[in-house]
Every structure is written in C-alpha cells, then in structure tokens.
PDB file of N, CA and C in Angstrom:
ATOM      1  N   UNK A   1      21.399   6.132 -32.165  1.00  0.00           N
ATOM      2  CA  UNK A   1      21.634   5.492 -30.894  1.00  0.00           C
ATOM      3  C   UNK A   1      20.293   4.982 -30.361  1.00  0.00           C
ATOM      4  N   UNK A   2      20.257   3.721 -29.972  1.00  0.00           N
ATOM      5  CA  UNK A   2      19.011   3.156 -29.460  1.00  0.00           C
ATOM      6  C   UNK A   2      18.992   3.207 -27.936  1.00  0.00           C
ATOM      7  N   UNK A   3      17.812   3.405 -27.407  1.00  0.00           N
ATOM      8  CA  UNK A   3      17.632   3.475 -25.967  1.00  0.00           C
ATOM      9  C   UNK A   3      17.103   2.127 -25.487  1.00  0.00           C
ATOM     10  N   UNK A   4      17.719   1.599 -24.446  1.00  0.00           N
ATOM     11  CA  UNK A   4      17.299   0.318 -23.898  1.00  0.00           C
ATOM     12  C   UNK A   4      16.111   0.544 -22.965  1.00  0.00           C
ATOM     13  N   UNK A   5      15.124  -0.284 -23.132  1.00  0.00           N
ATOM     14  CA  UNK A   5      13.927  -0.202 -22.297  1.00  0.00           C
ATOM     15  C   UNK A   5      14.290  -0.496 -20.835  1.00  0.00           C
ATOM     16  N   UNK A   6      13.879   0.364 -19.897  1.00  0.00           N
ATOM     17  CA  UNK A   6      14.205   0.134 -18.485  1.00  0.00           C
ATOM     18  C   UNK A   6      13.675  -1.200 -17.955  1.00  0.00           C
ATOM     19  N   UNK A   7      12.535  -1.663 -18.467  1.00  0.00           N
ATOM     20  CA  UNK A   7      11.996  -2.952 -18.030  1.00  0.00           C
ATOM     21  C   UNK A   7      12.925  -4.098 -18.421  1.00  0.00           C
ATOM     22  N   UNK A   8      13.572  -3.966 -19.582  1.00  0.00           N
ATOM     23  CA  UNK A   8      14.520  -4.987 -20.019  1.00  0.00           C
ATOM     24  C   UNK A   8      15.752  -4.994 -19.131  1.00  0.00           C
ATOM     25  N   UNK A   9      16.237  -3.816 -18.796  1.00  0.00           N
ATOM     26  CA  UNK A   9      17.397  -3.718 -17.903  1.00  0.00           C
ATOM     27  C   UNK A   9      17.058  -4.320 -16.542  1.00  0.00           C
ATOM     28  N   UNK A  10      15.865  -4.039 -16.045  1.00  0.00           N
ATOM     29  CA  UNK A  10      15.424  -4.588 -14.768  1.00  0.00           C
ATOM     30  C   UNK A  10      15.339  -6.111 -14.821  1.00  0.00           C
ATOM     31  N   UNK A  11      14.783  -6.659 -15.881  1.00  0.00           N
ATOM     32  CA  UNK A  11      14.683  -8.112 -16.032  1.00  0.00           C
ATOM     33  C   UNK A  11      16.060  -8.756 -16.086  1.00  0.00           C
ATOM     34  N   UNK A  12      16.966  -8.194 -16.858  1.00  0.00           N
ATOM     35  CA  UNK A  12      18.316  -8.760 -16.981  1.00  0.00           C
ATOM     36  C   UNK A  12      19.055  -8.686 -15.640  1.00  0.00           C
ATOM     37  N   UNK A  13      18.922  -7.570 -14.951  1.00  0.00           N
ATOM     38  CA  UNK A  13      19.578  -7.417 -13.654  1.00  0.00           C
ATOM     39  C   UNK A  13      19.001  -8.386 -12.630  1.00  0.00           C
ATOM     40  N   UNK A  14      17.688  -8.531 -12.603  1.00  0.00           N
ATOM     41  CA  UNK A  14      17.046  -9.462 -11.673  1.00  0.00           C
ATOM     42  C   UNK A  14      17.430 -10.904 -11.994  1.00  0.00           C
ATOM     43  N   UNK A  15      17.510 -11.238 -13.268  1.00  0.00           N
ATOM     44  CA  UNK A  15      17.916 -12.591 -13.658  1.00  0.00           C
ATOM     45  C   UNK A  15      19.371 -12.863 -13.277  1.00  0.00           C
ATOM     46  N   UNK A  16      20.224 -11.860 -13.421  1.00  0.00           N
ATOM     47  CA  UNK A  16      21.627 -12.022 -13.021  1.00  0.00           C
ATOM     48  C   UNK A  16      21.737 -12.224 -11.515  1.00  0.00           C
ATOM     49  N   UNK A  17      20.951 -11.484 -10.742  1.00  0.00           N
ATOM     50  CA  UNK A  17      20.942 -11.653  -9.284  1.00  0.00           C
ATOM     51  C   UNK A  17      20.475 -13.050  -8.911  1.00  0.00           C
ATOM     52  N   UNK A  18      19.414 -13.520  -9.541  1.00  0.00           N
ATOM     53  CA  UNK A  18      18.909 -14.864  -9.251  1.00  0.00           C
ATOM     54  C   UNK A  18      19.914 -15.937  -9.648  1.00  0.00           C
ATOM     55  N   UNK A  19      20.591 -15.739 -10.759  1.00  0.00           N
ATOM     56  CA  UNK A  19      21.588 -16.709 -11.210  1.00  0.00           C
ATOM     57  C   UNK A  19      22.779 -16.754 -10.264  1.00  0.00           C
ATOM     58  N   UNK A  20      23.300 -15.598  -9.902  1.00  0.00           N
ATOM     59  CA  UNK A  20      24.425 -15.564  -8.961  1.00  0.00           C
ATOM     60  C   UNK A  20      24.014 -16.095  -7.590  1.00  0.00           C
ATOM     61  N   UNK A  21      22.817 -15.786  -7.153  1.00  0.00           N
ATOM     62  CA  UNK A  21      22.321 -16.317  -5.892  1.00  0.00           C
ATOM     63  C   UNK A  21      22.207 -17.822  -5.914  1.00  0.00           C
ATOM     64  N   UNK A  22      21.778 -18.368  -7.041  1.00  0.00           N
ATOM     65  CA  UNK A  22      21.695 -19.824  -7.183  1.00  0.00           C
ATOM     66  C   UNK A  22      23.073 -20.457  -7.094  1.00  0.00           C
ATOM     67  N   UNK A  23      24.057 -19.861  -7.735  1.00  0.00           N
ATOM     68  CA  UNK A  23      25.415 -20.400  -7.694  1.00  0.00           C
ATOM     69  C   UNK A  23      25.979 -20.345  -6.277  1.00  0.00           C
ATOM     70  N   UNK A  24      25.812 -19.220  -5.597  1.00  0.00           N
ATOM     71  CA  UNK A  24      26.331 -19.079  -4.232  1.00  0.00           C
ATOM     72  C   UNK A  24      25.623 -20.059  -3.291  1.00  0.00           C
ATOM     73  N   UNK A  25      24.302 -20.182  -3.422  1.00  0.00           N
ATOM     74  CA  UNK A  25      23.561 -21.122  -2.578  1.00  0.00           C
ATOM     75  C   UNK A  25      23.976 -22.557  -2.866  1.00  0.00           C
ATOM     76  N   UNK A  26      24.204 -22.872  -4.121  1.00  0.00           N
ATOM     77  CA  UNK A  26      24.650 -24.218  -4.483  1.00  0.00           C
ATOM     78  C   UNK A  26      26.008 -24.527  -3.855  1.00  0.00           C
ATOM     79  N   UNK A  27      26.918 -23.555  -3.902  1.00  0.00           N
ATOM     80  CA  UNK A  27      28.231 -23.757  -3.287  1.00  0.00           C
ATOM     81  C   UNK A  27      28.117 -23.921  -1.773  1.00  0.00           C
ATOM     82  N   UNK A  28      27.256 -23.128  -1.138  1.00  0.00           N
ATOM     83  CA  UNK A  28      27.063 -23.258   0.307  1.00  0.00           C
ATOM     84  C   UNK A  28      26.448 -24.614   0.647  1.00  0.00           C
ATOM     85  N   UNK A  29      25.485 -25.052  -0.151  1.00  0.00           N
ATOM     86  CA  UNK A  29      24.868 -26.354   0.095  1.00  0.00           C
ATOM     87  C   UNK A  29      25.869 -27.484  -0.130  1.00  0.00           C
ATOM     88  N   UNK A  30      26.672 -27.352  -1.156  1.00  0.00           N
ATOM     89  CA  UNK A  30      27.703 -28.372  -1.427  1.00  0.00           C
ATOM     90  C   UNK A  30      28.688 -28.463  -0.273  1.00  0.00           C
ATOM     91  N   UNK A  31      29.094 -27.305   0.262  1.00  0.00           N
ATOM     92  CA  UNK A  31      29.972 -27.297   1.429  1.00  0.00           C
ATOM     93  C   UNK A  31      29.288 -27.870   2.657  1.00  0.00           C
ATOM     94  N   UNK A  32      28.000 -27.599   2.807  1.00  0.00           N
ATOM     95  CA  UNK A  32      27.248 -28.147   3.926  1.00  0.00           C
ATOM     96  C   UNK A  32      27.131 -29.656   3.859  1.00  0.00           C
ATOM     97  N   UNK A  33      26.934 -30.181   2.661  1.00  0.00           N
ATOM     98  CA  UNK A  33      26.860 -31.642   2.499  1.00  0.00           C
ATOM     99  C   UNK A  33      28.223 -32.292   2.721  1.00  0.00           C
ATOM    100  N   UNK A  34      29.249 -31.660   2.193  1.00  0.00           N
ATOM    101  CA  UNK A  34      30.596 -32.238   2.318  1.00  0.00           C
ATOM    102  C   UNK A  34      31.036 -32.295   3.775  1.00  0.00           C
ATOM    103  N   UNK A  35      30.716 -31.262   4.537  1.00  0.00           N
ATOM    104  CA  UNK A  35      31.163 -31.185   5.933  1.00  0.00           C
ATOM    105  C   UNK A  35      30.064 -31.542   6.922  1.00  0.00           C
ATOM    106  N   UNK A  36      28.914 -31.986   6.422  1.00  0.00           N
ATOM    107  CA  UNK A  36      27.763 -32.308   7.261  1.00  0.00           C
ATOM    108  C   UNK A  36      27.452 -31.143   8.200  1.00  0.00           C
ATOM    109  N   UNK A  37      27.338 -29.943   7.605  1.00  0.00           N
ATOM    110  CA  UNK A  37      27.165 -28.713   8.371  1.00  0.00           C
ATOM    111  C   UNK A  37      25.767 -28.144   8.162  1.00  0.00           C
ATOM    112  N   UNK A  38      24.980 -28.172   9.224  1.00  0.00           N
ATOM    113  CA  UNK A  38      23.646 -27.568   9.152  1.00  0.00           C
ATOM    114  C   UNK A  38      23.736 -26.055   8.970  1.00  0.00           C
ATOM    115  N   UNK A  39      24.783 -25.458   9.506  1.00  0.00           N
ATOM    116  CA  UNK A  39      24.980 -24.016   9.374  1.00  0.00           C
ATOM    117  C   UNK A  39      25.044 -23.598   7.910  1.00  0.00           C
ATOM    118  N   UNK A  40      25.818 -24.319   7.127  1.00  0.00           N
ATOM    119  CA  UNK A  40      25.955 -23.980   5.712  1.00  0.00           C
ATOM    120  C   UNK A  40      24.649 -24.218   4.955  1.00  0.00           C
ATOM    121  N   UNK A  41      23.905 -25.227   5.351  1.00  0.00           N
ATOM    122  CA  UNK A  41      22.629 -25.482   4.686  1.00  0.00           C
ATOM    123  C   UNK A  41      21.620 -24.389   4.989  1.00  0.00           C
ATOM    124  N   UNK A  42      21.586 -23.890   6.231  1.00  0.00           N
ATOM    125  CA  UNK A  42      20.712 -22.776   6.558  1.00  0.00           C
ATOM    126  C   UNK A  42      21.140 -21.521   5.812  1.00  0.00           C
ATOM    127  N   UNK A  43      22.449 -21.334   5.672  1.00  0.00           N
ATOM    128  CA  UNK A  43      22.952 -20.197   4.909  1.00  0.00           C
ATOM    129  C   UNK A  43      22.503 -20.293   3.454  1.00  0.00           C
ATOM    130  N   UNK A  44      22.601 -21.474   2.876  1.00  0.00           N
ATOM    131  CA  UNK A  44      22.158 -21.680   1.497  1.00  0.00           C
ATOM    132  C   UNK A  44      20.672 -21.386   1.349  1.00  0.00           C
ATOM    133  N   UNK A  45      19.871 -21.845   2.294  1.00  0.00           N
ATOM    134  CA  UNK A  45      18.427 -21.586   2.240  1.00  0.00           C
ATOM    135  C   UNK A  45      18.143 -20.089   2.336  1.00  0.00           C
ATOM    136  N   UNK A  46      18.881 -19.394   3.190  1.00  0.00           N
ATOM    137  CA  UNK A  46      18.699 -17.954   3.315  1.00  0.00           C
ATOM    138  C   UNK A  46      19.048 -17.212   2.041  1.00  0.00           C
ATOM    139  N   UNK A  47      20.105 -17.628   1.401  1.00  0.00           N
ATOM    140  CA  UNK A  47      20.518 -16.990   0.147  1.00  0.00           C
ATOM    141  C   UNK A  47      19.466 -17.214  -0.933  1.00  0.00           C
ATOM    142  N   UNK A  48      18.927 -18.420  -0.990  1.00  0.00           N
ATOM    143  CA  UNK A  48      17.865 -18.697  -1.970  1.00  0.00           C
ATOM    144  C   UNK A  48      16.662 -17.802  -1.716  1.00  0.00           C
ATOM    145  N   UNK A  49      16.289 -17.664  -0.446  1.00  0.00           N
ATOM    146  CA  UNK A  49      15.120 -16.832  -0.120  1.00  0.00           C
ATOM    147  C   UNK A  49      15.343 -15.363  -0.466  1.00  0.00           C
ATOM    148  N   UNK A  50      16.565 -14.890  -0.324  1.00  0.00           N
ATOM    149  CA  UNK A  50      16.839 -13.475  -0.576  1.00  0.00           C
ATOM    150  C   UNK A  50      17.106 -13.182  -2.051  1.00  0.00           C
ATOM    151  N   UNK A  51      17.805 -14.070  -2.738  1.00  0.00           N
ATOM    152  CA  UNK A  51      18.258 -13.754  -4.096  1.00  0.00           C
ATOM    153  C   UNK A  51      17.467 -14.437  -5.204  1.00  0.00           C
ATOM    154  N   UNK A  52      16.867 -15.590  -4.931  1.00  0.00           N
ATOM    155  CA  UNK A  52      16.233 -16.358  -6.001  1.00  0.00           C
ATOM    156  C   UNK A  52      14.707 -16.269  -5.952  1.00  0.00           C
ATOM    157  N   UNK A  53      14.127 -16.477  -4.778  1.00  0.00           N
ATOM    158  CA  UNK A  53      12.663 -16.493  -4.680  1.00  0.00           C
ATOM    159  C   UNK A  53      11.994 -15.185  -5.104  1.00  0.00           C
ATOM    160  N   UNK A  54      12.557 -14.009  -4.763  1.00  0.00           N
ATOM    161  CA  UNK A  54      11.899 -12.784  -5.243  1.00  0.00           C
ATOM    162  C   UNK A  54      11.794 -12.708  -6.769  1.00  0.00           C
ATOM    163  N   UNK A  55      12.789 -13.219  -7.471  1.00  0.00           N
ATOM    164  CA  UNK A  55      12.719 -13.254  -8.936  1.00  0.00           C
ATOM    165  C   UNK A  55      11.549 -14.124  -9.380  1.00  0.00           C
ATOM    166  N   UNK A  56      11.415 -15.281  -8.750  1.00  0.00           N
ATOM    167  CA  UNK A  56      10.300 -16.161  -9.086  1.00  0.00           C
ATOM    168  C   UNK A  56       8.949 -15.540  -8.788  1.00  0.00           C
ATOM    169  N   UNK A  57       8.866 -14.822  -7.678  1.00  0.00           N
ATOM    170  CA  UNK A  57       7.606 -14.157  -7.332  1.00  0.00           C
ATOM    171  C   UNK A  57       7.274 -13.079  -8.359  1.00  0.00           C
ATOM    172  N   UNK A  58       8.262 -12.258  -8.694  1.00  0.00           N
ATOM    173  CA  UNK A  58       8.023 -11.127  -9.603  1.00  0.00           C
ATOM    174  C   UNK A  58       7.777 -11.535 -11.043  1.00  0.00           C
ATOM    175  N   UNK A  59       8.524 -12.516 -11.533  1.00  0.00           N
ATOM    176  CA  UNK A  59       8.483 -12.800 -12.966  1.00  0.00           C
ATOM    177  C   UNK A  59       7.802 -14.114 -13.329  1.00  0.00           C
ATOM    178  N   UNK A  60       7.500 -14.950 -12.345  1.00  0.00           N
ATOM    179  CA  UNK A  60       6.809 -16.203 -12.640  1.00  0.00           C
ATOM    180  C   UNK A  60       5.445 -16.274 -11.953  1.00  0.00           C
ATOM    181  N   UNK A  61       5.433 -16.100 -10.642  1.00  0.00           N
ATOM    182  CA  UNK A  61       4.193 -16.231  -9.886  1.00  0.00           C
ATOM    183  C   UNK A  61       3.213 -15.097 -10.176  1.00  0.00           C
ATOM    184  N   UNK A  62       3.705 -13.883 -10.216  1.00  0.00           N
ATOM    185  CA  UNK A  62       2.825 -12.725 -10.427  1.00  0.00           C
ATOM    186  C   UNK A  62       2.062 -12.807 -11.751  1.00  0.00           C
ATOM    187  N   UNK A  63       2.708 -13.120 -12.872  1.00  0.00           N
ATOM    188  CA  UNK A  63       1.932 -13.216 -14.113  1.00  0.00           C
ATOM    189  C   UNK A  63       1.004 -14.435 -14.144  1.00  0.00           C
ATOM    190  N   UNK A  64       1.423 -15.544 -13.530  1.00  0.00           N
ATOM    191  CA  UNK A  64       0.592 -16.748 -13.565  1.00  0.00           C
ATOM    192  C   UNK A  64      -0.671 -16.599 -12.727  1.00  0.00           C
ATOM    193  N   UNK A  65      -0.517 -16.036 -11.545  1.00  0.00           N
ATOM    194  CA  UNK A  65      -1.637 -15.927 -10.609  1.00  0.00           C
ATOM    195  C   UNK A  65      -2.352 -14.593 -10.758  1.00  0.00           C
ATOM    196  N   UNK A  66      -1.670 -13.612 -11.270  1.00  0.00           N
ATOM    197  CA  UNK A  66      -2.258 -12.284 -11.413  1.00  0.00           C
ATOM    198  C   UNK A  66      -2.331 -11.541 -10.095  1.00  0.00           C
ATOM    199  N   UNK A  67      -1.220 -11.589  -9.347  1.00  0.00           N
ATOM    200  CA  UNK A  67      -1.175 -10.900  -8.054  1.00  0.00           C
ATOM    201  C   UNK A  67      -1.216  -9.388  -8.246  1.00  0.00           C
ATOM    202  N   UNK A  68      -1.802  -8.700  -7.292  1.00  0.00           N
ATOM    203  CA  UNK A  68      -1.766  -7.242  -7.314  1.00  0.00           C
ATOM    204  C   UNK A  68      -0.361  -6.780  -6.946  1.00  0.00           C
ATOM    205  N   UNK A  69      -0.100  -5.505  -7.147  1.00  0.00           N
ATOM    206  CA  UNK A  69       1.208  -4.961  -6.785  1.00  0.00           C
ATOM    207  C   UNK A  69       1.479  -5.116  -5.291  1.00  0.00           C
ATOM    208  N   UNK A  70       0.461  -4.883  -4.479  1.00  0.00           N
ATOM    209  CA  UNK A  70       0.619  -4.992  -3.026  1.00  0.00           C
ATOM    210  C   UNK A  70       0.902  -6.438  -2.619  1.00  0.00           C
ATOM    211  N   UNK A  71       0.200  -7.392  -3.226  1.00  0.00           N
ATOM    212  CA  UNK A  71       0.414  -8.805  -2.900  1.00  0.00           C
ATOM    213  C   UNK A  71       1.799  -9.256  -3.353  1.00  0.00           C
ATOM    214  N   UNK A  72       2.244  -8.772  -4.505  1.00  0.00           N
ATOM    215  CA  UNK A  72       3.580  -9.113  -4.984  1.00  0.00           C
ATOM    216  C   UNK A  72       4.646  -8.560  -4.055  1.00  0.00           C
ATOM    217  N   UNK A  73       4.501  -7.307  -3.650  1.00  0.00           N
ATOM    218  CA  UNK A  73       5.452  -6.703  -2.729  1.00  0.00           C
ATOM    219  C   UNK A  73       5.467  -7.442  -1.393  1.00  0.00           C
ATOM    220  N   UNK A  74       4.288  -7.803  -0.894  1.00  0.00           N
ATOM    221  CA  UNK A  74       4.214  -8.556   0.353  1.00  0.00           C
ATOM    222  C   UNK A  74       4.926  -9.899   0.225  1.00  0.00           C
ATOM    223  N   UNK A  75       4.723 -10.599  -0.879  1.00  0.00           N
ATOM    224  CA  UNK A  75       5.372 -11.893  -1.085  1.00  0.00           C
ATOM    225  C   UNK A  75       6.892 -11.748  -1.151  1.00  0.00           C
ATOM    226  N   UNK A  76       7.364 -10.709  -1.819  1.00  0.00           N
ATOM    227  CA  UNK A  76       8.806 -10.469  -1.898  1.00  0.00           C
ATOM    228  C   UNK A  76       9.370 -10.160  -0.513  1.00  0.00           C
ATOM    229  N   UNK A  77       8.678  -9.334   0.253  1.00  0.00           N
ATOM    230  CA  UNK A  77       9.142  -9.002   1.601  1.00  0.00           C
ATOM    231  C   UNK A  77       9.131 -10.222   2.513  1.00  0.00           C
ATOM    232  N   UNK A  78       8.159 -11.106   2.351  1.00  0.00           N
ATOM    233  CA  UNK A  78       8.146 -12.355   3.124  1.00  0.00           C
ATOM    234  C   UNK A  78       9.365 -13.201   2.754  1.00  0.00           C
ATOM    235  N   UNK A  79       9.704 -13.254   1.472  1.00  0.00           N
ATOM    236  CA  UNK A  79      10.906 -13.986   1.040  1.00  0.00           C
ATOM    237  C   UNK A  79      12.158 -13.394   1.681  1.00  0.00           C
ATOM    238  N   UNK A  80      12.273 -12.071   1.646  1.00  0.00           N
ATOM    239  CA  UNK A  80      13.439 -11.413   2.256  1.00  0.00           C
ATOM    240  C   UNK A  80      13.531 -11.720   3.743  1.00  0.00           C
ATOM    241  N   UNK A  81      12.410 -11.602   4.446  1.00  0.00           N
ATOM    242  CA  UNK A  81      12.427 -11.848   5.884  1.00  0.00           C
ATOM    243  C   UNK A  81      12.739 -13.302   6.203  1.00  0.00           C
ATOM    244  N   UNK A  82      12.184 -14.226   5.444  1.00  0.00           N
ATOM    245  CA  UNK A  82      12.495 -15.642   5.650  1.00  0.00           C
ATOM    246  C   UNK A  82      13.985 -15.895   5.422  1.00  0.00           C
ATOM    247  N   UNK A  83      14.553 -15.262   4.405  1.00  0.00           N
ATOM    248  CA  UNK A  83      15.980 -15.409   4.145  1.00  0.00           C
ATOM    249  C   UNK A  83      16.833 -14.852   5.256  1.00  0.00           C
ATOM    250  N   UNK A  84      16.462 -13.692   5.764  1.00  0.00           N
ATOM    251  CA  UNK A  84      17.224 -13.107   6.862  1.00  0.00           C
ATOM    252  C   UNK A  84      17.127 -13.945   8.128  1.00  0.00           C
ATOM    253  N   UNK A  85      15.955 -14.514   8.393  1.00  0.00           N
ATOM    254  CA  UNK A  85      15.808 -15.386   9.560  1.00  0.00           C
ATOM    255  C   UNK A  85      16.663 -16.641   9.387  1.00  0.00           C
ATOM    256  N   UNK A  86      16.688 -17.219   8.194  1.00  0.00           N
ATOM    257  CA  UNK A  86      17.507 -18.412   7.951  1.00  0.00           C
ATOM    258  C   UNK A  86      18.997 -18.095   8.110  1.00  0.00           C
ATOM    259  N   UNK A  87      19.419 -16.948   7.613  1.00  0.00           N
ATOM    260  CA  UNK A  87      20.832 -16.566   7.753  1.00  0.00           C
ATOM    261  C   UNK A  87      21.160 -16.284   9.215  1.00  0.00           C
ATOM    262  N   UNK A  88      20.266 -15.605   9.911  1.00  0.00           N
ATOM    263  CA  UNK A  88      20.478 -15.355  11.340  1.00  0.00           C
ATOM    264  C   UNK A  88      20.585 -16.671  12.095  1.00  0.00           C
ATOM    265  N   UNK A  89      19.716 -17.620  11.773  1.00  0.00           N
ATOM    266  CA  UNK A  89      19.771 -18.922  12.436  1.00  0.00           C
ATOM    267  C   UNK A  89      21.086 -19.641  12.117  1.00  0.00           C
ATOM    268  N   UNK A  90      21.546 -19.485  10.886  1.00  0.00           N
ATOM    269  CA  UNK A  90      22.809 -20.142  10.523  1.00  0.00           C
ATOM    270  C   UNK A  90      23.977 -19.558  11.291  1.00  0.00           C
ATOM    271  N   UNK A  91      23.895 -18.286  11.625  1.00  0.00           N
ATOM    272  CA  UNK A  91      24.999 -17.630  12.337  1.00  0.00           C
ATOM    273  C   UNK A  91      24.894 -17.764  13.857  1.00  0.00           C
ATOM    274  N   UNK A  92      23.669 -17.800  14.378  1.00  0.00           N
ATOM    275  CA  UNK A  92      23.474 -17.780  15.834  1.00  0.00           C
ATOM    276  C   UNK A  92      22.912 -19.065  16.396  1.00  0.00           C
ATOM    277  N   UNK A  93      22.059 -19.747  15.624  1.00  0.00           N
ATOM    278  CA  UNK A  93      21.275 -20.833  16.195  1.00  0.00           C
ATOM    279  C   UNK A  93      21.911 -22.197  16.199  1.00  0.00           C
ATOM    280  N   UNK A  94      22.983 -22.385  15.458  1.00  0.00           N
ATOM    281  CA  UNK A  94      23.559 -23.736  15.377  1.00  0.00           C
ATOM    282  C   UNK A  94      24.914 -23.789  16.028  1.00  0.00           C
TER     283      UNK A  94
END
C-alpha cells in the first residue's frame, strides 16, 4: 500500500478549490453581464479573491518571488479580506 504525500493532497485540494471558485465566479460574472448587475460582478470579484487568488499566491507568486512564510500568509489574508469586503459590498452597498 502506498502512502500519498500530504503536500500532493494539499496541492490537489487547493487546485480543486481554485478551479471551482473560477467556475462559480465565471457564472456570477456571466449573470452580472446578462442582467447588467453590479451586485453580481462584485460577488464574482469577491469569490475570485477568496478562492482563486490565494492559490496563485501560494503556488505561483511565492516560488517566483521567494516570499517568506509570513509574507505569503499576509498576502493570502489580504486576498481573503479583499474578497470579504467585495462580497459585503455586493450584499449591502449596491
């Protein structure tokens, strides 16, 4: 019986989250364009910030730039907060 490397499981899970987030954001953006709804576009932007950008920070930006663990965590948290603000704006601000 072979044991799967935890880093591989983490990469696959993170990629699945980013992929599903991209699909959901695309559907929200498509609905926003069809109905000329700024609310849906802000929702799509929030979903991208929460589900897609952290993957890019962790697996693309961090190796390219050589960010420290603290800088990577800070960048991910900024993505999460930006996403939550965009979703809050989509629900309350428009």
